[in-house]
Amino acid sequence: MLDFVVAGLSANSVPYLEGLDLQRAVHRAVVGGQRPDTVLLLEHTSVYTAGKRTAPDERPTDGTPVIDVDRGGKITWHGPGQLIGYPIIRLAEPVDVVAYVRRIEAVLIDVLAGLGIAGVRVDGRSGVWVGPPGLEEKIAAIGIRVADGVTMHGFALNCSNPLDPYDKIVACGIRDAGVTTVSRVTGVETTPADVIEAVTSGLRAEFEGVVVA
């Protein structure tokens, strides 16, 4: 069974380091068998985070602070209007990280389909994308870590967030593609709170086999 915790949305957005401490505490409890697999859902206050493979020239050049973290992937931005999901899930042995990422992508693609958006995968690039071949824009980013067989970090689905913070960085290390949001694609203001139910149902269906009508 999955336990879902909505840690803070909108005006109650969670500072990144506070969210990281919560992740680590939940991760320890899942590893130790003190709690079930858990998904944290939240928004962060504005922050840049850099994965282990981030190159110096991908970071902001104006001195904007960046938090270095132990997930995969490169630099990205988190902030209000973006739904963050941190699935803290024990993976079956043998651990297949790529397969896990594909399962998260599949959930997000289904969520987007429910909003009338055709999300796709792009060969060689994680996350979910929208747009015609060769002109895709990223709408959801994924960066994870697996420790003691249990996942950390997760996904960021762009709902109604601004896009100008991405102008200061090379988002996810990708120079030849842009970033977009659900609201921009559909022309309808869609907040993280608007998609939580669909995301929760999708994760339950994928990881528990439970389909919610």
N, C-alpha and C. Protein backbone atom coordinates (compact mmCIF):
# COMPACT_ATOMS: atom_id res chain seq x y z
N MET A 1 0.83 -1.20 0.00
CA MET A 1 0.00 0.00 0.00
C MET A 1 0.87 1.25 0.00
N LEU A 2 0.38 2.28 -0.67
CA LEU A 2 1.05 3.57 -0.67
C LEU A 2 0.37 4.52 0.30
N ASP A 3 1.18 5.22 1.06
CA ASP A 3 0.67 6.28 1.92
C ASP A 3 0.98 7.61 1.23
N PHE A 4 0.01 8.50 1.15
CA PHE A 4 0.21 9.81 0.51
C PHE A 4 0.18 10.91 1.56
N VAL A 5 1.17 11.80 1.49
CA VAL A 5 1.25 12.93 2.40
C VAL A 5 1.34 14.20 1.58
N VAL A 6 0.34 15.06 1.68
CA VAL A 6 0.40 16.38 1.04
C VAL A 6 1.04 17.32 2.04
N ALA A 7 2.31 17.64 1.80
CA ALA A 7 3.12 18.34 2.79
C ALA A 7 2.96 19.86 2.76
N GLY A 8 2.44 20.42 1.67
CA GLY A 8 2.26 21.86 1.60
C GLY A 8 2.10 22.34 0.18
N LEU A 9 1.04 23.11 -0.06
CA LEU A 9 0.75 23.65 -1.38
C LEU A 9 0.53 25.14 -1.30
N SER A 10 0.73 25.82 -2.43
CA SER A 10 0.40 27.24 -2.59
C SER A 10 1.06 28.08 -1.50
N ALA A 11 0.25 28.76 -0.69
CA ALA A 11 0.80 29.64 0.35
C ALA A 11 1.60 28.86 1.39
N ASN A 12 1.38 27.56 1.46
CA ASN A 12 2.10 26.72 2.41
C ASN A 12 3.25 25.95 1.74
N SER A 13 3.75 26.48 0.62
CA SER A 13 4.86 25.82 -0.09
C SER A 13 6.02 25.55 0.87
N VAL A 14 6.69 24.43 0.64
CA VAL A 14 7.70 23.94 1.56
C VAL A 14 9.10 24.35 1.11
N PRO A 15 9.90 25.02 1.95
CA PRO A 15 11.29 25.29 1.59
C PRO A 15 12.02 24.00 1.27
N TYR A 16 12.92 24.05 0.29
CA TYR A 16 13.53 22.82 -0.21
C TYR A 16 14.23 22.02 0.88
N LEU A 17 15.04 22.66 1.70
CA LEU A 17 15.80 21.91 2.69
C LEU A 17 14.88 21.29 3.74
N GLU A 18 13.77 21.95 4.04
CA GLU A 18 12.78 21.37 4.95
C GLU A 18 12.17 20.11 4.32
N GLY A 19 11.86 20.20 3.02
CA GLY A 19 11.33 19.04 2.32
C GLY A 19 12.34 17.91 2.25
N LEU A 20 13.63 18.26 2.09
CA LEU A 20 14.67 17.24 2.02
C LEU A 20 14.80 16.52 3.37
N ASP A 21 14.73 17.28 4.46
CA ASP A 21 14.77 16.64 5.78
C ASP A 21 13.59 15.68 5.96
N LEU A 22 12.40 16.09 5.49
CA LEU A 22 11.23 15.23 5.59
C LEU A 22 11.43 13.96 4.76
N GLN A 23 11.94 14.13 3.54
CA GLN A 23 12.22 12.97 2.69
C GLN A 23 13.14 11.98 3.39
N ARG A 24 14.22 12.51 3.96
CA ARG A 24 15.21 11.63 4.59
C ARG A 24 14.61 10.89 5.78
N ALA A 25 13.78 11.59 6.55
CA ALA A 25 13.15 10.94 7.71
C ALA A 25 12.21 9.82 7.26
N VAL A 26 11.41 10.11 6.23
CA VAL A 26 10.49 9.10 5.72
C VAL A 26 11.28 7.93 5.10
N HIS A 27 12.35 8.27 4.37
CA HIS A 27 13.18 7.23 3.75
C HIS A 27 13.73 6.29 4.82
N ARG A 28 14.25 6.84 5.90
CA ARG A 28 14.79 6.00 6.98
C ARG A 28 13.70 5.07 7.53
N ALA A 29 12.49 5.62 7.69
CA ALA A 29 11.40 4.83 8.24
C ALA A 29 10.96 3.72 7.29
N VAL A 30 10.95 4.00 5.98
CA VAL A 30 10.58 2.97 5.01
C VAL A 30 11.67 1.89 4.96
N VAL A 31 12.94 2.31 4.93
CA VAL A 31 14.04 1.34 4.92
C VAL A 31 13.96 0.44 6.16
N GLY A 32 13.65 1.05 7.31
CA GLY A 32 13.61 0.30 8.56
C GLY A 32 12.34 -0.47 8.80
N GLY A 33 11.36 -0.33 7.87
CA GLY A 33 10.12 -1.07 8.03
C GLY A 33 9.14 -0.45 9.02
N GLN A 34 9.41 0.82 9.42
CA GLN A 34 8.51 1.47 10.37
C GLN A 34 7.30 2.13 9.72
N ARG A 35 7.34 2.30 8.39
CA ARG A 35 6.19 2.86 7.70
C ARG A 35 6.12 2.30 6.30
N PRO A 36 4.93 2.35 5.68
CA PRO A 36 4.78 1.82 4.32
C PRO A 36 5.42 2.75 3.29
N ASP A 37 5.51 2.25 2.07
CA ASP A 37 5.93 3.12 0.97
C ASP A 37 5.08 4.39 1.01
N THR A 38 5.73 5.53 0.79
CA THR A 38 5.08 6.82 1.00
C THR A 38 5.39 7.76 -0.16
N VAL A 39 4.40 8.53 -0.58
CA VAL A 39 4.60 9.56 -1.60
C VAL A 39 4.33 10.91 -0.97
N LEU A 40 5.32 11.79 -1.01
CA LEU A 40 5.15 13.17 -0.55
C LEU A 40 4.77 14.03 -1.75
N LEU A 41 3.72 14.81 -1.62
CA LEU A 41 3.28 15.73 -2.68
C LEU A 41 3.29 17.13 -2.11
N LEU A 42 3.87 18.07 -2.86
CA LEU A 42 4.03 19.42 -2.33
C LEU A 42 4.44 20.40 -3.42
N GLU A 43 4.47 21.66 -3.05
CA GLU A 43 5.13 22.70 -3.84
C GLU A 43 6.31 23.22 -3.02
N HIS A 44 7.35 23.63 -3.71
CA HIS A 44 8.50 24.25 -3.04
C HIS A 44 8.48 25.76 -3.22
N THR A 45 9.06 26.46 -2.26
CA THR A 45 9.39 27.85 -2.51
C THR A 45 10.51 27.87 -3.56
N SER A 46 10.71 28.99 -4.22
CA SER A 46 11.61 29.07 -5.37
C SER A 46 13.04 28.67 -5.00
N VAL A 47 13.62 27.75 -5.80
CA VAL A 47 14.96 27.25 -5.50
C VAL A 47 15.55 26.58 -6.73
N TYR A 48 16.87 26.69 -6.88
CA TYR A 48 17.60 25.90 -7.87
C TYR A 48 18.28 24.74 -7.14
N THR A 49 18.16 23.53 -7.71
CA THR A 49 18.87 22.38 -7.16
C THR A 49 19.68 21.74 -8.27
N ALA A 50 20.85 21.24 -7.89
CA ALA A 50 21.77 20.67 -8.88
C ALA A 50 22.08 19.22 -8.53
N GLY A 51 21.81 18.32 -9.48
CA GLY A 51 22.17 16.93 -9.33
C GLY A 51 23.66 16.73 -9.51
N LYS A 52 24.10 15.50 -9.32
CA LYS A 52 25.54 15.20 -9.25
C LYS A 52 26.28 15.44 -10.56
N ARG A 53 25.56 15.45 -11.69
CA ARG A 53 26.23 15.57 -12.99
C ARG A 53 26.22 16.99 -13.55
N THR A 54 25.79 17.97 -12.73
CA THR A 54 25.69 19.35 -13.22
C THR A 54 27.07 19.94 -13.53
N ALA A 55 27.21 20.51 -14.73
CA ALA A 55 28.46 21.15 -15.13
C ALA A 55 28.48 22.61 -14.68
N PRO A 56 29.67 23.18 -14.43
CA PRO A 56 29.74 24.56 -13.97
C PRO A 56 29.04 25.55 -14.89
N ASP A 57 29.11 25.36 -16.21
CA ASP A 57 28.53 26.33 -17.12
C ASP A 57 27.02 26.19 -17.26
N GLU A 58 26.42 25.23 -16.54
CA GLU A 58 24.97 25.07 -16.55
C GLU A 58 24.31 25.80 -15.38
N ARG A 59 25.13 26.31 -14.47
CA ARG A 59 24.62 26.99 -13.28
C ARG A 59 24.37 28.47 -13.56
N PRO A 60 23.60 29.16 -12.68
CA PRO A 60 23.39 30.60 -12.86
C PRO A 60 24.72 31.35 -12.84
N THR A 61 24.82 32.39 -13.63
CA THR A 61 26.07 33.16 -13.68
C THR A 61 25.98 34.44 -12.87
N ASP A 62 24.84 34.67 -12.20
CA ASP A 62 24.65 35.93 -11.47
C ASP A 62 24.75 35.76 -9.96
N GLY A 63 25.29 34.61 -9.52
CA GLY A 63 25.44 34.40 -8.09
C GLY A 63 24.21 33.86 -7.39
N THR A 64 23.14 33.56 -8.13
CA THR A 64 21.95 32.98 -7.53
C THR A 64 22.32 31.69 -6.81
N PRO A 65 21.90 31.52 -5.55
CA PRO A 65 22.27 30.31 -4.82
C PRO A 65 21.70 29.04 -5.46
N VAL A 66 22.48 27.97 -5.35
CA VAL A 66 22.08 26.65 -5.85
C VAL A 66 22.33 25.64 -4.74
N ILE A 67 21.36 24.75 -4.51
CA ILE A 67 21.53 23.68 -3.52
C ILE A 67 21.96 22.42 -4.25
N ASP A 68 23.12 21.89 -3.89
CA ASP A 68 23.61 20.65 -4.48
C ASP A 68 23.00 19.47 -3.73
N VAL A 69 22.45 18.52 -4.50
CA VAL A 69 21.75 17.39 -3.90
C VAL A 69 22.27 16.08 -4.47
N ASP A 70 21.87 14.97 -3.81
CA ASP A 70 22.43 13.66 -4.13
C ASP A 70 21.57 12.86 -5.09
N ARG A 71 20.72 13.52 -5.87
CA ARG A 71 19.93 12.81 -6.86
C ARG A 71 20.68 12.73 -8.18
N GLY A 72 20.12 11.94 -9.10
CA GLY A 72 20.65 11.93 -10.45
C GLY A 72 20.19 13.16 -11.19
N GLY A 73 20.65 13.29 -12.42
CA GLY A 73 20.24 14.44 -13.23
C GLY A 73 21.12 15.65 -13.01
N LYS A 74 20.68 16.76 -13.57
CA LYS A 74 21.47 17.98 -13.52
C LYS A 74 20.70 19.08 -12.81
N ILE A 75 20.94 20.34 -13.19
CA ILE A 75 20.33 21.45 -12.48
C ILE A 75 18.90 21.69 -12.97
N THR A 76 18.05 22.09 -12.03
CA THR A 76 16.69 22.47 -12.39
C THR A 76 16.19 23.50 -11.40
N TRP A 77 14.99 23.97 -11.64
CA TRP A 77 14.34 24.94 -10.74
C TRP A 77 13.07 24.32 -10.19
N HIS A 78 12.78 24.62 -8.92
CA HIS A 78 11.50 24.27 -8.32
C HIS A 78 10.89 25.54 -7.74
N GLY A 79 9.56 25.59 -7.77
CA GLY A 79 8.90 26.75 -7.19
C GLY A 79 7.39 26.65 -7.25
N PRO A 80 6.71 27.66 -6.75
CA PRO A 80 5.25 27.66 -6.73
C PRO A 80 4.65 27.45 -8.11
N GLY A 81 3.58 26.66 -8.16
CA GLY A 81 2.94 26.34 -9.43
C GLY A 81 3.41 25.05 -10.04
N GLN A 82 4.38 24.41 -9.37
CA GLN A 82 4.94 23.16 -9.87
C GLN A 82 4.64 22.07 -8.84
N LEU A 83 4.01 20.98 -9.26
CA LEU A 83 3.74 19.88 -8.33
C LEU A 83 4.96 18.98 -8.23
N ILE A 84 5.46 18.86 -7.01
CA ILE A 84 6.59 17.99 -6.73
C ILE A 84 6.06 16.69 -6.12
N GLY A 85 6.56 15.57 -6.62
CA GLY A 85 6.22 14.27 -6.05
C GLY A 85 7.48 13.54 -5.65
N TYR A 86 7.54 13.13 -4.40
CA TYR A 86 8.68 12.34 -3.91
C TYR A 86 8.18 10.95 -3.51
N PRO A 87 8.15 10.00 -4.45
CA PRO A 87 7.79 8.63 -4.09
C PRO A 87 8.96 7.98 -3.34
N ILE A 88 8.69 7.50 -2.14
CA ILE A 88 9.70 6.82 -1.33
C ILE A 88 9.24 5.38 -1.24
N ILE A 89 9.74 4.59 -2.19
CA ILE A 89 9.18 3.27 -2.48
C ILE A 89 10.30 2.22 -2.50
N ARG A 90 10.05 1.09 -1.84
CA ARG A 90 11.00 -0.02 -1.90
C ARG A 90 10.85 -0.74 -3.24
N LEU A 91 11.94 -0.81 -3.99
CA LEU A 91 11.92 -1.45 -5.29
C LEU A 91 12.20 -2.95 -5.16
N ALA A 92 11.61 -3.71 -6.05
CA ALA A 92 11.84 -5.15 -6.06
C ALA A 92 13.27 -5.43 -6.52
N GLU A 93 13.81 -6.54 -6.02
CA GLU A 93 15.13 -7.00 -6.46
C GLU A 93 15.00 -7.82 -7.74
N PRO A 94 15.95 -7.75 -8.66
CA PRO A 94 17.06 -6.80 -8.67
C PRO A 94 16.57 -5.39 -9.02
N VAL A 95 17.13 -4.38 -8.38
CA VAL A 95 16.68 -3.01 -8.58
C VAL A 95 16.97 -2.57 -10.01
N ASP A 96 15.93 -2.06 -10.67
CA ASP A 96 16.05 -1.58 -12.05
C ASP A 96 15.62 -0.12 -12.05
N VAL A 97 16.60 0.77 -11.97
CA VAL A 97 16.30 2.21 -11.84
C VAL A 97 15.64 2.74 -13.11
N VAL A 98 16.12 2.31 -14.27
CA VAL A 98 15.54 2.80 -15.52
C VAL A 98 14.07 2.40 -15.62
N ALA A 99 13.76 1.17 -15.26
CA ALA A 99 12.37 0.71 -15.31
C ALA A 99 11.49 1.53 -14.38
N TYR A 100 12.03 1.88 -13.21
CA TYR A 100 11.28 2.71 -12.26
C TYR A 100 10.99 4.09 -12.85
N VAL A 101 11.99 4.70 -13.47
CA VAL A 101 11.79 6.01 -14.10
C VAL A 101 10.72 5.91 -15.18
N ARG A 102 10.75 4.86 -15.98
CA ARG A 102 9.75 4.68 -17.04
C ARG A 102 8.35 4.56 -16.44
N ARG A 103 8.22 3.93 -15.28
CA ARG A 103 6.91 3.80 -14.64
C ARG A 103 6.40 5.16 -14.18
N ILE A 104 7.28 5.99 -13.64
CA ILE A 104 6.87 7.34 -13.24
C ILE A 104 6.47 8.15 -14.48
N GLU A 105 7.25 8.04 -15.54
CA GLU A 105 6.89 8.73 -16.78
C GLU A 105 5.51 8.29 -17.26
N ALA A 106 5.23 6.99 -17.19
CA ALA A 106 3.94 6.48 -17.66
C ALA A 106 2.79 7.08 -16.86
N VAL A 107 2.96 7.19 -15.56
CA VAL A 107 1.92 7.81 -14.72
C VAL A 107 1.67 9.24 -15.16
N LEU A 108 2.74 10.01 -15.35
CA LEU A 108 2.59 11.42 -15.72
C LEU A 108 2.00 11.57 -17.12
N ILE A 109 2.36 10.70 -18.03
CA ILE A 109 1.78 10.74 -19.38
C ILE A 109 0.27 10.51 -19.30
N ASP A 110 -0.15 9.59 -18.45
CA ASP A 110 -1.59 9.33 -18.29
C ASP A 110 -2.30 10.53 -17.65
N VAL A 111 -1.66 11.14 -16.67
CA VAL A 111 -2.25 12.34 -16.04
C VAL A 111 -2.44 13.43 -17.07
N LEU A 112 -1.43 13.65 -17.89
CA LEU A 112 -1.52 14.68 -18.93
C LEU A 112 -2.61 14.34 -19.94
N ALA A 113 -2.73 13.06 -20.29
CA ALA A 113 -3.77 12.65 -21.24
C ALA A 113 -5.15 13.02 -20.71
N GLY A 114 -5.34 12.89 -19.40
CA GLY A 114 -6.60 13.27 -18.80
C GLY A 114 -6.90 14.75 -18.87
N LEU A 115 -5.86 15.54 -19.11
CA LEU A 115 -6.00 16.99 -19.26
C LEU A 115 -6.03 17.40 -20.73
N GLY A 116 -6.03 16.41 -21.63
CA GLY A 116 -6.06 16.70 -23.06
C GLY A 116 -4.70 17.02 -23.65
N ILE A 117 -3.63 16.60 -22.95
CA ILE A 117 -2.27 16.88 -23.41
C ILE A 117 -1.59 15.57 -23.80
N ALA A 118 -0.98 15.55 -24.98
CA ALA A 118 -0.27 14.36 -25.45
C ALA A 118 1.18 14.42 -24.99
N GLY A 119 1.45 13.83 -23.84
CA GLY A 119 2.82 13.77 -23.34
C GLY A 119 3.55 12.61 -23.98
N VAL A 120 4.86 12.78 -24.22
CA VAL A 120 5.65 11.74 -24.87
C VAL A 120 7.00 11.60 -24.17
N ARG A 121 7.65 10.49 -24.45
CA ARG A 121 9.05 10.30 -24.07
C ARG A 121 9.93 10.74 -25.24
N VAL A 122 11.14 11.17 -24.93
CA VAL A 122 12.13 11.49 -25.95
C VAL A 122 13.34 10.60 -25.72
N ASP A 123 13.77 9.89 -26.75
CA ASP A 123 14.89 8.97 -26.63
C ASP A 123 16.11 9.66 -26.03
N GLY A 124 16.69 9.02 -25.03
CA GLY A 124 17.91 9.55 -24.42
C GLY A 124 17.70 10.65 -23.41
N ARG A 125 16.42 11.02 -23.17
CA ARG A 125 16.13 12.10 -22.23
C ARG A 125 15.01 11.66 -21.29
N SER A 126 15.24 11.80 -20.00
CA SER A 126 14.22 11.41 -19.05
C SER A 126 13.13 12.47 -18.97
N GLY A 127 12.06 12.15 -18.26
CA GLY A 127 10.97 13.10 -18.10
C GLY A 127 9.90 12.95 -19.17
N VAL A 128 8.96 13.89 -19.16
CA VAL A 128 7.86 13.88 -20.11
C VAL A 128 7.88 15.17 -20.91
N TRP A 129 7.57 15.05 -22.19
CA TRP A 129 7.70 16.14 -23.14
C TRP A 129 6.41 16.33 -23.91
N VAL A 130 6.24 17.51 -24.48
CA VAL A 130 5.09 17.78 -25.35
C VAL A 130 5.58 18.52 -26.59
N GLY A 131 4.84 18.35 -27.68
CA GLY A 131 5.18 19.05 -28.91
C GLY A 131 5.60 18.10 -30.01
N PRO A 132 5.71 18.61 -31.22
CA PRO A 132 6.06 17.78 -32.37
C PRO A 132 7.51 17.30 -32.30
N PRO A 133 7.84 16.19 -32.95
CA PRO A 133 9.20 15.66 -32.93
C PRO A 133 10.24 16.71 -33.34
N GLY A 134 11.27 16.81 -32.54
CA GLY A 134 12.33 17.78 -32.79
C GLY A 134 12.07 19.14 -32.20
N LEU A 135 10.84 19.39 -31.78
CA LEU A 135 10.49 20.69 -31.17
C LEU A 135 9.85 20.48 -29.79
N GLU A 136 10.16 19.37 -29.15
CA GLU A 136 9.54 19.06 -27.87
C GLU A 136 9.99 20.04 -26.78
N GLU A 137 9.08 20.27 -25.84
CA GLU A 137 9.39 21.05 -24.65
C GLU A 137 9.11 20.18 -23.43
N LYS A 138 9.94 20.33 -22.40
CA LYS A 138 9.78 19.48 -21.22
C LYS A 138 8.68 20.04 -20.33
N ILE A 139 7.77 19.14 -19.92
CA ILE A 139 6.67 19.54 -19.05
C ILE A 139 6.78 18.87 -17.67
N ALA A 140 7.59 17.82 -17.58
CA ALA A 140 7.81 17.15 -16.29
C ALA A 140 9.23 16.61 -16.25
N ALA A 141 9.92 16.89 -15.15
CA ALA A 141 11.30 16.44 -14.96
C ALA A 141 11.33 15.33 -13.92
N ILE A 142 12.30 14.43 -14.06
CA ILE A 142 12.47 13.34 -13.11
C ILE A 142 13.95 13.24 -12.73
N GLY A 143 14.20 13.14 -11.44
CA GLY A 143 15.55 12.92 -10.93
C GLY A 143 15.45 12.13 -9.64
N ILE A 144 16.12 10.99 -9.57
CA ILE A 144 15.93 10.11 -8.41
C ILE A 144 17.25 9.65 -7.82
N ARG A 145 17.14 9.05 -6.67
CA ARG A 145 18.25 8.33 -6.02
C ARG A 145 17.66 7.09 -5.37
N VAL A 146 18.39 6.00 -5.41
CA VAL A 146 17.98 4.79 -4.72
C VAL A 146 19.04 4.45 -3.68
N ALA A 147 18.63 4.35 -2.43
CA ALA A 147 19.53 3.99 -1.34
C ALA A 147 18.88 2.89 -0.51
N ASP A 148 19.64 1.83 -0.25
CA ASP A 148 19.12 0.68 0.50
C ASP A 148 17.86 0.12 -0.14
N GLY A 149 17.79 0.19 -1.48
CA GLY A 149 16.67 -0.37 -2.21
C GLY A 149 15.41 0.46 -2.21
N VAL A 150 15.49 1.67 -1.65
CA VAL A 150 14.32 2.54 -1.52
C VAL A 150 14.58 3.86 -2.24
N THR A 151 13.61 4.32 -3.02
CA THR A 151 13.78 5.52 -3.83
C THR A 151 13.68 6.79 -3.00
N MET A 152 14.29 7.85 -3.53
CA MET A 152 14.18 9.21 -3.00
C MET A 152 14.08 10.17 -4.18
N HIS A 153 13.78 11.42 -3.86
CA HIS A 153 13.59 12.46 -4.87
C HIS A 153 12.45 12.02 -5.79
N GLY A 154 12.35 12.50 -7.01
CA GLY A 154 11.20 12.10 -7.80
C GLY A 154 10.93 12.95 -9.01
N PHE A 155 9.73 13.55 -9.07
CA PHE A 155 9.31 14.24 -10.29
C PHE A 155 8.81 15.64 -9.97
N ALA A 156 8.86 16.48 -11.00
CA ALA A 156 8.31 17.84 -10.93
C ALA A 156 7.44 18.05 -12.16
N LEU A 157 6.15 18.27 -11.95
CA LEU A 157 5.20 18.50 -13.05
C LEU A 157 4.88 19.98 -13.12
N ASN A 158 5.23 20.60 -14.22
CA ASN A 158 4.99 22.03 -14.39
C ASN A 158 3.50 22.28 -14.64
N CYS A 159 2.84 22.93 -13.71
CA CYS A 159 1.40 23.17 -13.81
C CYS A 159 1.12 24.63 -14.16
N SER A 160 1.40 25.53 -13.24
CA SER A 160 1.10 26.95 -13.46
C SER A 160 2.28 27.84 -13.07
N ASN A 161 3.46 27.26 -13.00
CA ASN A 161 4.64 28.00 -12.57
C ASN A 161 5.16 28.95 -13.66
N PRO A 162 5.88 30.00 -13.25
CA PRO A 162 6.53 30.87 -14.25
C PRO A 162 7.66 30.11 -14.93
N LEU A 163 8.05 30.58 -16.11
CA LEU A 163 9.13 29.94 -16.85
C LEU A 163 10.42 30.75 -16.86
N ASP A 164 10.34 32.02 -16.46
CA ASP A 164 11.54 32.85 -16.52
C ASP A 164 12.68 32.36 -15.62
N PRO A 165 12.44 31.64 -14.49
CA PRO A 165 13.58 31.15 -13.72
C PRO A 165 14.50 30.24 -14.52
N TYR A 166 13.96 29.57 -15.54
CA TYR A 166 14.78 28.67 -16.35
C TYR A 166 15.76 29.43 -17.24
N ASP A 167 15.53 30.73 -17.41
CA ASP A 167 16.40 31.51 -18.28
C ASP A 167 17.82 31.64 -17.71
N LYS A 168 17.97 31.45 -16.39
CA LYS A 168 19.28 31.63 -15.75
C LYS A 168 20.14 30.37 -15.77
N ILE A 169 19.57 29.25 -16.20
CA ILE A 169 20.29 27.98 -16.13
C ILE A 169 20.15 27.22 -17.45
N VAL A 170 20.95 26.16 -17.57
CA VAL A 170 20.73 25.20 -18.65
C VAL A 170 19.95 24.06 -18.01
N ALA A 171 18.64 24.15 -18.08
CA ALA A 171 17.77 23.23 -17.34
C ALA A 171 18.02 21.79 -17.75
N CYS A 172 18.31 20.94 -16.75
CA CYS A 172 18.56 19.51 -16.97
C CYS A 172 19.73 19.27 -17.92
N GLY A 173 20.56 20.31 -18.14
CA GLY A 173 21.69 20.17 -19.03
C GLY A 173 21.34 20.14 -20.50
N ILE A 174 20.11 20.52 -20.83
CA ILE A 174 19.63 20.44 -22.22
C ILE A 174 19.59 21.83 -22.83
N ARG A 175 20.37 22.03 -23.86
CA ARG A 175 20.50 23.37 -24.46
C ARG A 175 19.58 23.57 -25.67
N ASP A 176 19.07 22.49 -26.22
CA ASP A 176 18.35 22.61 -27.50
C ASP A 176 16.85 22.35 -27.36
N ALA A 177 16.30 22.52 -26.17
CA ALA A 177 14.86 22.32 -25.98
C ALA A 177 14.37 23.24 -24.87
N GLY A 178 13.10 23.61 -24.94
CA GLY A 178 12.53 24.52 -23.97
C GLY A 178 11.74 23.79 -22.89
N VAL A 179 11.07 24.60 -22.08
CA VAL A 179 10.27 24.12 -20.96
C VAL A 179 8.89 24.73 -21.08
N THR A 180 7.86 23.98 -20.67
CA THR A 180 6.51 24.51 -20.74
C THR A 180 5.72 24.07 -19.52
N THR A 181 4.44 24.45 -19.45
CA THR A 181 3.58 24.11 -18.33
C THR A 181 2.23 23.60 -18.85
N VAL A 182 1.49 22.92 -17.98
CA VAL A 182 0.15 22.48 -18.32
C VAL A 182 -0.72 23.68 -18.70
N SER A 183 -0.66 24.74 -17.90
CA SER A 183 -1.49 25.91 -18.15
C SER A 183 -1.19 26.55 -19.50
N ARG A 184 0.09 26.58 -19.85
CA ARG A 184 0.48 27.19 -21.13
C ARG A 184 -0.01 26.34 -22.30
N VAL A 185 0.08 25.03 -22.17
CA VAL A 185 -0.32 24.15 -23.27
C VAL A 185 -1.83 24.17 -23.49
N THR A 186 -2.59 24.15 -22.40
CA THR A 186 -4.05 24.06 -22.52
C THR A 186 -4.74 25.41 -22.61
N GLY A 187 -4.05 26.47 -22.16
CA GLY A 187 -4.69 27.78 -22.09
C GLY A 187 -5.64 27.93 -20.93
N VAL A 188 -5.64 26.94 -20.03
CA VAL A 188 -6.51 26.96 -18.85
C VAL A 188 -5.62 26.90 -17.61
N GLU A 189 -5.80 27.85 -16.69
CA GLU A 189 -5.02 27.87 -15.46
C GLU A 189 -5.23 26.57 -14.70
N THR A 190 -4.14 25.82 -14.50
CA THR A 190 -4.19 24.53 -13.83
C THR A 190 -3.11 24.51 -12.75
N THR A 191 -3.52 24.42 -11.51
CA THR A 191 -2.58 24.48 -10.39
C THR A 191 -2.21 23.07 -9.93
N PRO A 192 -1.17 22.95 -9.10
CA PRO A 192 -0.85 21.64 -8.54
C PRO A 192 -2.03 20.99 -7.82
N ALA A 193 -2.80 21.78 -7.09
CA ALA A 193 -3.96 21.22 -6.38
C ALA A 193 -4.96 20.59 -7.35
N ASP A 194 -5.01 21.12 -8.56
CA ASP A 194 -5.96 20.60 -9.55
C ASP A 194 -5.59 19.21 -10.07
N VAL A 195 -4.32 18.83 -9.95
CA VAL A 195 -3.89 17.56 -10.54
C VAL A 195 -3.53 16.51 -9.51
N ILE A 196 -3.57 16.86 -8.22
CA ILE A 196 -3.15 15.91 -7.19
C ILE A 196 -3.99 14.64 -7.22
N GLU A 197 -5.29 14.75 -7.39
CA GLU A 197 -6.14 13.57 -7.38
C GLU A 197 -5.77 12.61 -8.51
N ALA A 198 -5.52 13.17 -9.70
CA ALA A 198 -5.15 12.34 -10.84
C ALA A 198 -3.78 11.69 -10.63
N VAL A 199 -2.85 12.45 -10.06
CA VAL A 199 -1.51 11.90 -9.80
C VAL A 199 -1.59 10.79 -8.77
N THR A 200 -2.35 11.02 -7.71
CA THR A 200 -2.50 10.01 -6.67
C THR A 200 -3.11 8.73 -7.23
N SER A 201 -4.18 8.88 -8.01
CA SER A 201 -4.83 7.71 -8.62
C SER A 201 -3.88 6.98 -9.56
N GLY A 202 -3.11 7.73 -10.33
CA GLY A 202 -2.17 7.13 -11.26
C GLY A 202 -1.07 6.35 -10.57
N LEU A 203 -0.55 6.90 -9.48
CA LEU A 203 0.50 6.19 -8.74
C LEU A 203 -0.05 4.94 -8.07
N ARG A 204 -1.28 5.04 -7.55
CA ARG A 204 -1.90 3.84 -6.96
C ARG A 204 -2.08 2.74 -8.01
N ALA A 205 -2.55 3.13 -9.18
CA ALA A 205 -2.76 2.15 -10.25
C ALA A 205 -1.45 1.51 -10.68
N GLU A 206 -0.39 2.30 -10.76
CA GLU A 206 0.90 1.78 -11.24
C GLU A 206 1.61 0.93 -10.19
N PHE A 207 1.57 1.37 -8.93
CA PHE A 207 2.40 0.70 -7.92
C PHE A 207 1.59 -0.22 -6.98
N GLU A 208 0.26 -0.10 -6.99
CA GLU A 208 -0.56 -0.99 -6.18
C GLU A 208 -1.50 -1.85 -7.02
N GLY A 209 -1.65 -1.48 -8.29
CA GLY A 209 -2.63 -2.17 -9.12
C GLY A 209 -4.05 -1.79 -8.79
N VAL A 210 -4.21 -0.64 -8.11
CA VAL A 210 -5.54 -0.17 -7.72
C VAL A 210 -6.00 0.92 -8.68
N VAL A 211 -7.08 0.68 -9.38
CA VAL A 211 -7.64 1.67 -10.31
C VAL A 211 -8.82 2.33 -9.63
N VAL A 212 -8.74 3.66 -9.48
CA VAL A 212 -9.81 4.40 -8.85
C VAL A 212 -10.74 4.95 -9.93
N ALA A 213 -12.01 4.61 -9.87
CA ALA A 213 -12.96 5.04 -10.90
C ALA A 213 -13.18 6.53 -10.81
